[in-house]
C-alpha atoms as a PDB file:
ATOM      1  CA  MET A   1       2.674 130.626 -11.263  1.00  0.00           C
ATOM      2  CA  LYS A   2       2.719 127.442 -13.298  1.00  0.00           C
ATOM      3  CA  ASN A   3      -1.071 127.529 -13.774  1.00  0.00           C
ATOM      4  CA  LYS A   4      -0.956 131.101 -15.043  1.00  0.00           C
ATOM      5  CA  LYS A   5       1.635 130.167 -17.663  1.00  0.00           C
ATOM      6  CA  ASN A   6      -0.481 127.246 -18.820  1.00  0.00           C
ATOM      7  CA  ASN A   7      -3.500 129.504 -19.117  1.00  0.00           C
ATOM      8  CA  PHE A   8      -1.467 131.980 -21.150  1.00  0.00           C
ATOM      9  CA  PHE A   9      -0.302 129.351 -23.664  1.00  0.00           C
ATOM     10  CA  GLU A  10      -3.753 127.843 -23.923  1.00  0.00           C
ATOM     11  CA  LYS A  11      -5.199 131.260 -24.778  1.00  0.00           C
ATOM     12  CA  LEU A  12      -2.391 131.895 -27.326  1.00  0.00           C
ATOM     13  CA  ASN A  13      -2.940 128.529 -29.019  1.00  0.00           C
ATOM     14  CA  SER A  14      -6.654 129.242 -29.157  1.00  0.00           C
ATOM     15  CA  LYS A  15      -6.058 132.555 -30.933  1.00  0.00           C
ATOM     16  CA  LEU A  16      -3.480 131.139 -33.352  1.00  0.00           C
ATOM     17  CA  SER A  17      -5.803 128.323 -34.343  1.00  0.00           C
ATOM     18  CA  PHE A  18      -8.121 130.972 -35.754  1.00  0.00           C
ATOM     19  CA  PHE A  19      -5.642 132.042 -38.480  1.00  0.00           C
ATOM     20  CA  PRO A  20      -5.749 128.841 -40.593  1.00  0.00           C
ATOM     21  CA  ILE A  21      -9.523 129.090 -40.616  1.00  0.00           C
ATOM     22  CA  LEU A  22      -9.328 132.765 -41.638  1.00  0.00           C
ATOM     23  CA  PHE A  23      -6.774 131.934 -44.359  1.00  0.00           C
ATOM     24  CA  LEU A  24      -9.027 129.168 -45.692  1.00  0.00           C
ATOM     25  CA  VAL A  25     -12.044 131.488 -45.854  1.00  0.00           C
ATOM     26  CA  PHE A  26      -9.951 134.176 -47.586  1.00  0.00           C
ATOM     27  CA  SER A  27      -8.717 131.639 -50.137  1.00  0.00           C
ATOM     28  CA  LEU A  28     -12.246 130.581 -50.911  1.00  0.00           C
ATOM     29  CA  VAL A  29     -13.207 134.209 -51.509  1.00  0.00           C
ATOM     30  CA  ILE A  30     -10.318 134.639 -53.971  1.00  0.00           C
ATOM     31  CA  ILE A  31     -11.194 131.442 -55.823  1.00  0.00           C
ATOM     32  CA  SER A  32     -14.828 132.490 -55.973  1.00  0.00           C
ATOM     33  CA  CYS A  33     -13.889 135.908 -57.388  1.00  0.00           C
ATOM     34  CA  GLU A  34     -11.628 134.325 -59.998  1.00  0.00           C
ATOM     35  CA  GLU A  35     -14.388 132.008 -61.092  1.00  0.00           C
ATOM     36  CA  ASP A  36     -16.763 134.964 -61.477  1.00  0.00           C
ATOM     37  CA  ASP A  37     -14.235 136.660 -63.834  1.00  0.00           C
ATOM     38  CA  VAL A  38     -14.107 133.710 -66.264  1.00  0.00           C
ATOM     39  CA  PHE A  39     -15.263 134.796 -69.772  1.00  0.00           C
ATOM     40  CA  THR A  40     -18.330 133.001 -71.096  1.00  0.00           C
ATOM     41  CA  ASP A  41     -18.291 132.644 -74.891  1.00  0.00           C
ATOM     42  CA  GLU A  42     -21.917 132.649 -76.022  1.00  0.00           C
ATOM     43  CA  PHE A  43     -21.017 131.319 -79.483  1.00  0.00           C
ATOM     44  CA  GLU A  44     -19.596 127.936 -78.454  1.00  0.00           C
ATOM     45  CA  GLU A  45     -19.590 125.244 -79.710  1.00  0.00           C
ATOM     46  CA  ASN A  46     -18.534 126.927 -82.949  1.00  0.00           C
ATOM     47  CA  ASN A  47     -15.359 124.968 -83.555  1.00  0.00           C
ATOM     48  CA  SER A  48     -16.030 123.876 -87.148  1.00  0.00           C
ATOM     49  CA  ILE A  49     -17.653 125.134 -90.340  1.00  0.00           C
ATOM     50  CA  SER A  50     -20.669 122.916 -89.664  1.00  0.00           C
ATOM     51  CA  THR A  51     -21.229 124.614 -86.283  1.00  0.00           C
ATOM     52  CA  ALA A  52     -20.340 128.156 -87.399  1.00  0.00           C
ATOM     53  CA  TYR A  53     -22.289 130.891 -85.647  1.00  0.00           C
ATOM     54  CA  ALA A  54     -24.234 133.130 -88.060  1.00  0.00           C
ATOM     55  CA  ILE A  55     -23.459 136.862 -87.716  1.00  0.00           C
ATOM     56  CA  GLU A  56     -24.669 140.080 -89.302  1.00  0.00           C
ATOM     57  CA  GLN A  57     -22.433 142.508 -91.128  1.00  0.00           C
ATOM     58  CA  GLY A  58     -21.884 145.832 -89.406  1.00  0.00           C
ATOM     59  CA  LYS A  59     -22.261 144.487 -85.850  1.00  0.00           C
ATOM     60  CA  ILE A  60     -19.518 144.047 -83.227  1.00  0.00           C
ATOM     61  CA  TYR A  61     -19.075 140.651 -81.581  1.00  0.00           C
ATOM     62  CA  ASN A  62     -17.046 139.741 -78.499  1.00  0.00           C
ATOM     63  CA  ALA A  63     -15.546 136.258 -78.327  1.00  0.00           C
ATOM     64  CA  HIS A  64     -12.767 134.316 -76.621  1.00  0.00           C
ATOM     65  CA  ILE A  65     -10.195 131.772 -77.766  1.00  0.00           C
ATOM     66  CA  THR A  66      -9.174 129.260 -75.128  1.00  0.00           C
ATOM     67  CA  GLU A  67      -6.547 126.527 -75.213  1.00  0.00           C
ATOM     68  CA  ASN A  68      -6.792 124.388 -78.398  1.00  0.00           C
ATOM     69  CA  ASP A  69      -9.799 126.439 -79.476  1.00  0.00           C
ATOM     70  CA  VAL A  70     -10.941 127.890 -82.811  1.00  0.00           C
ATOM     71  CA  ASP A  71     -14.008 130.009 -83.536  1.00  0.00           C
ATOM     72  CA  PHE A  72     -16.037 129.758 -86.757  1.00  0.00           C
ATOM     73  CA  PHE A  73     -18.592 132.353 -87.842  1.00  0.00           C
ATOM     74  CA  SER A  74     -20.663 132.568 -91.018  1.00  0.00           C
ATOM     75  CA  PHE A  75     -21.876 135.625 -92.928  1.00  0.00           C
ATOM     76  CA  THR A  76     -23.770 136.300 -96.149  1.00  0.00           C
ATOM     77  CA  THR A  77     -22.674 139.005 -98.555  1.00  0.00           C
ATOM     78  CA  ALA A  78     -25.101 141.875 -98.857  1.00  0.00           C
ATOM     79  CA  HIS A  79     -25.850 142.207-102.561  1.00  0.00           C
ATOM     80  CA  GLY A  80     -27.597 139.911-105.004  1.00  0.00           C
ATOM     81  CA  SER A  81     -26.087 136.984-106.870  1.00  0.00           C
ATOM     82  CA  THR A  82     -25.344 139.081-109.983  1.00  0.00           C
ATOM     83  CA  THR A  83     -22.885 141.354-108.145  1.00  0.00           C
ATOM     84  CA  PHE A  84     -19.578 141.113-106.307  1.00  0.00           C
ATOM     85  CA  ASP A  85     -18.931 142.492-102.832  1.00  0.00           C
ATOM     86  CA  GLU A  86     -16.030 143.948-100.896  1.00  0.00           C
ATOM     87  CA  VAL A  87     -15.897 143.703 -97.098  1.00  0.00           C
ATOM     88  CA  GLU A  88     -13.589 144.940 -94.346  1.00  0.00           C
ATOM     89  CA  ILE A  89     -12.696 142.505 -91.577  1.00  0.00           C
ATOM     90  CA  SER A  90     -11.512 144.093 -88.332  1.00  0.00           C
ATOM     91  CA  VAL A  91     -10.329 142.347 -85.151  1.00  0.00           C
ATOM     92  CA  PHE A  92      -9.608 144.546 -82.125  1.00  0.00           C
ATOM     93  CA  ASN A  93      -9.532 144.572 -78.299  1.00  0.00           C
ATOM     94  CA  ALA A  94      -7.368 141.464 -78.461  1.00  0.00           C
ATOM     95  CA  GLY A  95      -6.101 140.079 -75.158  1.00  0.00           C
ATOM     96  CA  PRO A  96      -2.465 140.796 -74.206  1.00  0.00           C
ATOM     97  CA  ASN A  97      -1.364 137.250 -75.068  1.00  0.00           C
ATOM     98  CA  LEU A  98      -3.417 136.702 -78.227  1.00  0.00           C
ATOM     99  CA  MET A  99      -1.965 136.835 -81.748  1.00  0.00           C
ATOM    100  CA  ILE A 100      -5.102 136.524 -83.843  1.00  0.00           C
ATOM    101  CA  GLY A 101      -5.240 134.563 -87.090  1.00  0.00           C
ATOM    102  CA  ALA A 102      -8.175 134.759 -89.504  1.00  0.00           C
ATOM    103  CA  VAL A 103      -9.047 132.449 -92.394  1.00  0.00           C
ATOM    104  CA  VAL A 104     -12.003 132.992 -94.741  1.00  0.00           C
ATOM    105  CA  TYR A 105     -13.650 130.102 -96.597  1.00  0.00           C
ATOM    106  CA  ASP A 106     -16.160 130.212 -99.444  1.00  0.00           C
ATOM    107  CA  SER A 107     -19.496 128.406 -99.483  1.00  0.00           C
ATOM    108  CA  ASP A 108     -17.778 125.201-100.632  1.00  0.00           C
ATOM    109  CA  GLY A 109     -15.376 125.264 -97.686  1.00  0.00           C
ATOM    110  CA  GLU A 110     -12.398 126.247 -99.865  1.00  0.00           C
ATOM    111  CA  GLN A 111      -9.890 128.663 -98.335  1.00  0.00           C
ATOM    112  CA  TYR A 112     -10.332 132.181 -99.748  1.00  0.00           C
ATOM    113  CA  SER A 113      -7.871 134.213 -97.663  1.00  0.00           C
ATOM    114  CA  LYS A 114      -5.548 133.955 -94.672  1.00  0.00           C
ATOM    115  CA  HIS A 115      -4.199 136.747 -92.432  1.00  0.00           C
ATOM    116  CA  ASN A 116      -2.688 137.104 -88.972  1.00  0.00           C
ATOM    117  CA  VAL A 117      -0.757 139.466 -86.712  1.00  0.00           C
ATOM    118  CA  THR A 118       2.725 138.825 -85.324  1.00  0.00           C
ATOM    119  CA  THR A 119       2.434 140.906 -82.149  1.00  0.00           C
ATOM    120  CA  GLU A 120       0.493 139.981 -79.028  1.00  0.00           C
ATOM    121  CA  GLY A 121      -2.656 142.068 -78.607  1.00  0.00           C
ATOM    122  CA  ALA A 122      -2.303 143.688 -82.057  1.00  0.00           C
ATOM    123  CA  LYS A 123      -5.258 144.778 -84.165  1.00  0.00           C
ATOM    124  CA  LEU A 124      -5.940 143.041 -87.484  1.00  0.00           C
ATOM    125  CA  THR A 125      -7.756 144.908 -90.274  1.00  0.00           C
ATOM    126  CA  TYR A 126      -7.889 143.982 -93.949  1.00  0.00           C
ATOM    127  CA  THR A 127     -10.171 144.147 -96.995  1.00  0.00           C
ATOM    128  CA  LEU A 128     -11.527 141.251 -99.041  1.00  0.00           C
ATOM    129  CA  SER A 129     -12.725 141.990-102.568  1.00  0.00           C
ATOM    130  CA  GLY A 130     -14.385 139.908-105.234  1.00  0.00           C
ATOM    131  CA  LEU A 131     -16.771 138.099-102.906  1.00  0.00           C
ATOM    132  CA  GLU A 132     -19.786 136.705-104.708  1.00  0.00           C
ATOM    133  CA  GLY A 133     -22.979 138.554-103.928  1.00  0.00           C
ATOM    134  CA  GLY A 134     -25.639 136.747-101.924  1.00  0.00           C
ATOM    135  CA  ALA A 135     -23.208 133.943-101.041  1.00  0.00           C
ATOM    136  CA  ASN A 136     -22.380 132.362 -97.707  1.00  0.00           C
ATOM    137  CA  TYR A 137     -18.816 132.684 -96.337  1.00  0.00           C
ATOM    138  CA  TYR A 138     -17.102 131.433 -93.195  1.00  0.00           C
ATOM    139  CA  ILE A 139     -14.384 133.030 -91.075  1.00  0.00           C
ATOM    140  CA  ARG A 140     -12.169 131.077 -88.675  1.00  0.00           C
ATOM    141  CA  PHE A 141     -10.334 132.748 -85.778  1.00  0.00           C
ATOM    142  CA  SER A 142      -7.496 131.130 -83.829  1.00  0.00           C
ATOM    143  CA  GLY A 143      -4.487 132.099 -81.729  1.00  0.00           C
ATOM    144  CA  THR A 144      -1.257 131.886 -83.756  1.00  0.00           C
ATOM    145  CA  TRP A 145       2.453 132.452 -83.152  1.00  0.00           C
ATOM    146  CA  ASP A 146       4.636 135.462 -83.997  1.00  0.00           C
ATOM    147  CA  SER A 147       5.229 134.571 -87.640  1.00  0.00           C
ATOM    148  CA  HIS A 148       3.288 134.856 -90.883  1.00  0.00           C
ATOM    149  CA  ASN A 149       4.379 131.294 -91.686  1.00  0.00           C
ATOM    150  CA  TRP A 150       1.685 129.439 -89.804  1.00  0.00           C
ATOM    151  CA  ASP A 151      -0.307 126.472 -91.016  1.00  0.00           C
ATOM    152  CA  VAL A 152      -4.050 126.341 -90.495  1.00  0.00           C
ATOM    153  CA  GLY A 153      -4.549 123.518 -88.028  1.00  0.00           C
ATOM    154  CA  GLY A 154      -0.791 122.860 -87.967  1.00  0.00           C
ATOM    155  CA  ALA A 155       2.484 124.561 -87.038  1.00  0.00           C
ATOM    156  CA  GLY A 156       1.907 127.906 -85.342  1.00  0.00           C
ATOM    157  CA  ASP A 157      -1.811 127.412 -84.893  1.00  0.00           C
ATOM    158  CA  TYR A 158      -3.482 126.909 -81.474  1.00  0.00           C
ATOM    159  CA  TRP A 159      -0.519 128.870 -80.092  1.00  0.00           C
ATOM    160  CA  SER A 160      -2.038 131.754 -78.129  1.00  0.00           C
ATOM    161  CA  GLU A 161      -5.335 132.559 -76.473  1.00  0.00           C
ATOM    162  CA  GLY A 162      -7.433 135.398 -75.159  1.00  0.00           C
ATOM    163  CA  ALA A 163     -10.480 137.574 -75.706  1.00  0.00           C
ATOM    164  CA  TYR A 164     -11.118 139.598 -78.868  1.00  0.00           C
ATOM    165  CA  SER A 165     -13.762 141.683 -80.631  1.00  0.00           C
ATOM    166  CA  PHE A 166     -14.477 141.713 -84.364  1.00  0.00           C
ATOM    167  CA  SER A 167     -16.753 143.089 -87.050  1.00  0.00           C
ATOM    168  CA  ILE A 168     -17.322 142.504 -90.757  1.00  0.00           C
ATOM    169  CA  MET A 169     -18.443 145.548 -92.742  1.00  0.00           C
ATOM    170  CA  ASN A 170     -19.701 145.696 -96.329  1.00  0.00           C
ATOM    171  CA  LEU A 171     -17.932 148.584 -98.075  1.00  0.00           C
ATOM    172  CA  ASP A 172     -20.645 149.151-100.715  1.00  0.00           C
ATOM    173  CA  VAL A 173     -18.103 149.664-103.491  1.00  0.00           C
ATOM    174  CA  ASN A 174     -20.390 148.535-106.315  1.00  0.00           C
ATOM    175  CA  ASP A 175     -21.123 151.116-108.963  1.00  0.00           C
ATOM    176  CA  GLU A 176     -24.631 152.213-109.903  1.00  0.00           C
ATOM    177  CA  PHE A 177     -24.718 149.677-112.738  1.00  0.00           C
ATOM    178  CA  ALA A 178     -24.077 146.661-110.485  1.00  0.00           C
ATOM    179  CA  GLY A 179     -25.700 143.536-111.801  1.00  0.00           C
ATOM    180  CA  ASN A 180     -24.573 144.210-115.393  1.00  0.00           C
ATOM    181  CA  HIS A 181     -22.217 141.243-115.437  1.00  0.00           C
ATOM    182  CA  SER A 182     -23.738 139.390-118.368  1.00  0.00           C
ATOM    183  CA  ILE A 183     -24.776 140.541-121.824  1.00  0.00           C
ATOM    184  CA  ASN A 184     -28.406 139.859-120.946  1.00  0.00           C
ATOM    185  CA  ASP A 185     -28.107 142.275-118.017  1.00  0.00           C
ATOM    186  CA  ALA A 186     -26.270 144.990-119.969  1.00  0.00           C
ATOM    187  CA  TYR A 187     -26.885 148.501-118.694  1.00  0.00           C
ATOM    188  CA  PRO A 188     -28.266 150.886-121.372  1.00  0.00           C
ATOM    189  CA  ILE A 189     -26.118 153.978-121.966  1.00  0.00           C
ATOM    190  CA  SER A 190     -26.346 157.101-124.083  1.00  0.00           C
ATOM    191  CA  THR A 191     -23.690 158.529-126.372  1.00  0.00           C
ATOM    192  CA  ASN A 192     -21.779 161.672-125.378  1.00  0.00           C
ATOM    193  CA  GLN A 193     -22.366 160.972-121.693  1.00  0.00           C
ATOM    194  CA  THR A 194     -19.637 160.065-119.177  1.00  0.00           C
ATOM    195  CA  TYR A 195     -19.959 156.976-116.993  1.00  0.00           C
ATOM    196  CA  ASN A 196     -17.900 155.828-113.998  1.00  0.00           C
ATOM    197  CA  GLY A 197     -17.612 152.094-113.550  1.00  0.00           C
ATOM    198  CA  VAL A 198     -15.672 149.745-111.284  1.00  0.00           C
ATOM    199  CA  LEU A 199     -14.620 146.136-111.583  1.00  0.00           C
ATOM    200  CA  VAL A 200     -14.992 145.058-107.953  1.00  0.00           C
ATOM    201  CA  SER A 201     -13.593 141.603-108.687  1.00  0.00           C
ATOM    202  CA  LYS A 202     -11.072 140.371-111.227  1.00  0.00           C
ATOM    203  CA  ARG A 203     -13.701 137.726-112.030  1.00  0.00           C
ATOM    204  CA  GLU A 204     -16.132 140.457-113.054  1.00  0.00           C
ATOM    205  CA  ALA A 205     -17.046 141.852-116.456  1.00  0.00           C
ATOM    206  CA  ASP A 206     -19.262 144.896-117.003  1.00  0.00           C
ATOM    207  CA  TYR A 207     -21.667 145.024-119.955  1.00  0.00           C
ATOM    208  CA  PHE A 208     -23.285 148.122-121.458  1.00  0.00           C
ATOM    209  CA  ALA A 209     -25.814 148.415-124.304  1.00  0.00           C
ATOM    210  CA  PHE A 210     -25.976 151.310-126.752  1.00  0.00           C
ATOM    211  CA  THR A 211     -27.448 152.355-130.079  1.00  0.00           C
ATOM    212  CA  PRO A 212     -24.961 154.326-132.255  1.00  0.00           C
ATOM    213  CA  THR A 213     -25.807 157.901-133.169  1.00  0.00           C
ATOM    214  CA  ALA A 214     -23.303 157.881-136.034  1.00  0.00           C
ATOM    215  CA  GLU A 215     -21.656 155.332-138.315  1.00  0.00           C
ATOM    216  CA  ASN A 216     -18.243 156.102-136.845  1.00  0.00           C
ATOM    217  CA  MET A 217     -17.834 156.476-133.116  1.00  0.00           C
ATOM    218  CA  GLN A 218     -15.027 156.543-130.581  1.00  0.00           C
ATOM    219  CA  LEU A 219     -14.899 154.944-127.139  1.00  0.00           C
ATOM    220  CA  GLN A 220     -12.649 156.876-124.748  1.00  0.00           C
ATOM    221  CA  VAL A 221     -11.620 155.166-121.513  1.00  0.00           C
ATOM    222  CA  THR A 222      -9.881 157.288-118.854  1.00  0.00           C
ATOM    223  CA  ASN A 223      -9.197 157.398-115.098  1.00  0.00           C
ATOM    224  CA  VAL A 224      -8.209 153.739-115.146  1.00  0.00           C
ATOM    225  CA  GLY A 225      -7.196 152.397-111.732  1.00  0.00           C
ATOM    226  CA  SER A 226      -3.485 151.874-111.123  1.00  0.00           C
ATOM    227  CA  GLY A 227      -3.901 148.105-110.899  1.00  0.00           C
ATOM    228  CA  LEU A 228      -6.284 147.682-113.839  1.00  0.00           C
ATOM    229  CA  ILE A 229      -5.317 146.772-117.419  1.00  0.00           C
ATOM    230  CA  ILE A 230      -8.563 147.556-119.156  1.00  0.00           C
ATOM    231  CA  GLY A 231      -9.899 145.219-121.841  1.00  0.00           C
ATOM    232  CA  ILE A 232     -12.871 145.966-124.091  1.00  0.00           C
ATOM    233  CA  ALA A 233     -14.956 143.702-126.307  1.00  0.00           C
ATOM    234  CA  LEU A 234     -17.639 144.760-128.806  1.00  0.00           C
ATOM    235  CA  TYR A 235     -20.689 142.610-129.559  1.00  0.00           C
ATOM    236  CA  GLY A 236     -23.283 142.969-132.307  1.00  0.00           C
ATOM    237  CA  PRO A 237     -27.081 142.861-132.021  1.00  0.00           C
ATOM    238  CA  ASP A 238     -27.125 139.060-132.110  1.00  0.00           C
ATOM    239  CA  PHE A 239     -24.562 138.877-129.279  1.00  0.00           C
ATOM    240  CA  GLN A 240     -21.828 137.907-131.741  1.00  0.00           C
ATOM    241  CA  LEU A 241     -18.308 139.007-130.806  1.00  0.00           C
ATOM    242  CA  LEU A 242     -17.085 141.628-133.299  1.00  0.00           C
ATOM    243  CA  GLY A 243     -13.660 142.210-131.772  1.00  0.00           C
ATOM    244  CA  ASN A 244     -11.692 143.011-128.653  1.00  0.00           C
ATOM    245  CA  GLY A 245      -8.749 145.156-127.589  1.00  0.00           C
ATOM    246  CA  GLY A 246      -7.427 147.156-124.703  1.00  0.00           C
ATOM    247  CA  ALA A 247      -4.499 148.803-122.996  1.00  0.00           C
ATOM    248  CA  GLY A 248      -1.234 146.983-122.463  1.00  0.00           C
ATOM    249  CA  THR A 249      -0.273 148.720-119.226  1.00  0.00           C
ATOM    250  CA  ALA A 250      -1.896 148.980-115.806  1.00  0.00           C
ATOM    251  CA  GLY A 251      -3.531 152.356-115.258  1.00  0.00           C
ATOM    252  CA  ALA A 252      -3.276 153.332-118.943  1.00  0.00           C
ATOM    253  CA  ASN A 253      -6.107 155.099-120.769  1.00  0.00           C
ATOM    254  CA  PHE A 254      -7.436 153.599-123.991  1.00  0.00           C
ATOM    255  CA  THR A 255      -9.267 154.730-127.109  1.00  0.00           C
ATOM    256  CA  LEU A 256     -11.208 152.419-129.424  1.00  0.00           C
ATOM    257  CA  ASN A 257     -12.500 153.528-132.837  1.00  0.00           C
ATOM    258  CA  LEU A 258     -15.810 151.971-133.905  1.00  0.00           C
ATOM    259  CA  THR A 259     -16.470 152.116-137.641  1.00  0.00           C
ATOM    260  CA  SER A 260     -19.318 151.216-139.993  1.00  0.00           C
ATOM    261  CA  MET A 261     -21.852 151.076-137.173  1.00  0.00           C
ATOM    262  CA  ASN A 262     -25.532 150.499-137.879  1.00  0.00           C
ATOM    263  CA  THR A 263     -27.507 153.288-136.214  1.00  0.00           C
ATOM    264  CA  GLU A 264     -30.685 151.214-136.117  1.00  0.00           C
ATOM    265  CA  VAL A 265     -29.511 148.308-133.950  1.00  0.00           C
ATOM    266  CA  THR A 266     -28.156 147.747-130.435  1.00  0.00           C
ATOM    267  CA  TYR A 267     -24.498 146.966-129.719  1.00  0.00           C
ATOM    268  CA  TYR A 268     -22.849 145.844-126.516  1.00  0.00           C
ATOM    269  CA  LEU A 269     -19.598 146.839-124.793  1.00  0.00           C
ATOM    270  CA  ARG A 270     -17.836 144.571-122.338  1.00  0.00           C
ATOM    271  CA  PHE A 271     -15.178 145.810-119.850  1.00  0.00           C
ATOM    272  CA  SER A 272     -12.841 143.479-117.934  1.00  0.00           C
ATOM    273  CA  GLY A 273      -9.374 143.379-116.372  1.00  0.00           C
ATOM    274  CA  THR A 274      -6.799 141.643-118.592  1.00  0.00           C
ATOM    275  CA  TRP A 275      -3.085 140.841-118.676  1.00  0.00           C
ATOM    276  CA  GLY A 276      -2.542 143.196-121.624  1.00  0.00           C
ATOM    277  CA  TYR A 277      -2.222 142.358-125.284  1.00  0.00           C
ATOM    278  CA  ALA A 278      -3.338 139.115-126.973  1.00  0.00           C
ATOM    279  CA  TRP A 279      -5.998 138.197-124.445  1.00  0.00           C
ATOM    280  CA  GLU A 280      -9.056 136.056-125.142  1.00  0.00           C
ATOM    281  CA  VAL A 281     -12.554 137.077-124.121  1.00  0.00           C
ATOM    282  CA  GLY A 282     -13.461 134.768-121.265  1.00  0.00           C
ATOM    283  CA  GLY A 283     -10.217 132.860-121.772  1.00  0.00           C
ATOM    284  CA  ALA A 284      -6.452 133.310-121.444  1.00  0.00           C
ATOM    285  CA  GLY A 285      -5.522 136.683-119.997  1.00  0.00           C
ATOM    286  CA  ASP A 286      -9.082 137.693-119.140  1.00  0.00           C
ATOM    287  CA  PHE A 287     -10.399 138.211-115.589  1.00  0.00           C
ATOM    288  CA  TYR A 288      -6.879 139.148-114.529  1.00  0.00           C
ATOM    289  CA  ASN A 289      -7.211 142.329-112.411  1.00  0.00           C
ATOM    290  CA  GLN A 290      -9.706 144.891-111.170  1.00  0.00           C
ATOM    291  CA  GLY A 291     -10.269 148.575-110.482  1.00  0.00           C
ATOM    292  CA  PRO A 292     -12.221 151.713-111.464  1.00  0.00           C
ATOM    293  CA  TYR A 293     -12.537 153.301-114.907  1.00  0.00           C
ATOM    294  CA  THR A 294     -14.389 156.123-116.698  1.00  0.00           C
ATOM    295  CA  PHE A 295     -15.673 156.030-120.254  1.00  0.00           C
ATOM    296  CA  VAL A 296     -17.615 158.014-122.823  1.00  0.00           C
ATOM    297  CA  LEU A 297     -18.853 157.058-126.285  1.00  0.00           C
ATOM    298  CA  VAL A 298     -18.711 159.994-128.731  1.00  0.00           C
ATOM    299  CA  ASP A 299     -19.413 160.638-132.411  1.00  0.00           C
ATOM    300  CA  ASN A 300     -16.240 160.478-134.433  1.00  0.00           C
END
């Protein structure tokens, strides 16, 4: 009887000794699976402006922010150097723990804009206007905290992590005259014809060239954008400034009477966004706001 009991316990111990081995194998399988699920960020090491990964506008990119990580990407605006661009930046598919922060820098490394979300996993979409055409810009992504008061590289930065997707899209908001931002590049217009322009950037001025069809003419500016205080300057054939004026209120229409015009020479009109009255061309109060406008030059 005693031998049978010993045999029983020996067999039981033999079977039980199998479970630690099985548990170990199972653990290895779990660890192996977890390692296979780790996200590989193809853009690393892109942790500074100098190592920024070059991207194309209009494409979607998938990236990942890990602990103490930032991601830098570079992009070039679509139009030539004589225009200004407007782009839409969109960050989506953010991980459940990530509160994305985005900072844009210009080609000199100076901060141009700063945005973030205050909810984990939230989407971030915003528009940047007034970007110089044909210029290189950088965007920096990081995980922030649930406040808009975060410091780049300081308090509230490097706070959350996770995967995200993003795209940068050029909005093609330039008007058909784009490139007419100096008197030498003035766009030729005809009298009694309506034109629709847009100041894409508050740093922009639009120039138009015309030959009067009468000694007295009237410039009528309408459909002014709600944020634009339109300012107009008139130049003579030798590029000399003859005078300037404009509306004193955002979104207001404006009429300018042109008298004693020479019908045999070319004049130039300059449109810009100002602060209202008593502004200086290219000086105080000029390059102050932006927006669309419509104008027509008629015989008076």
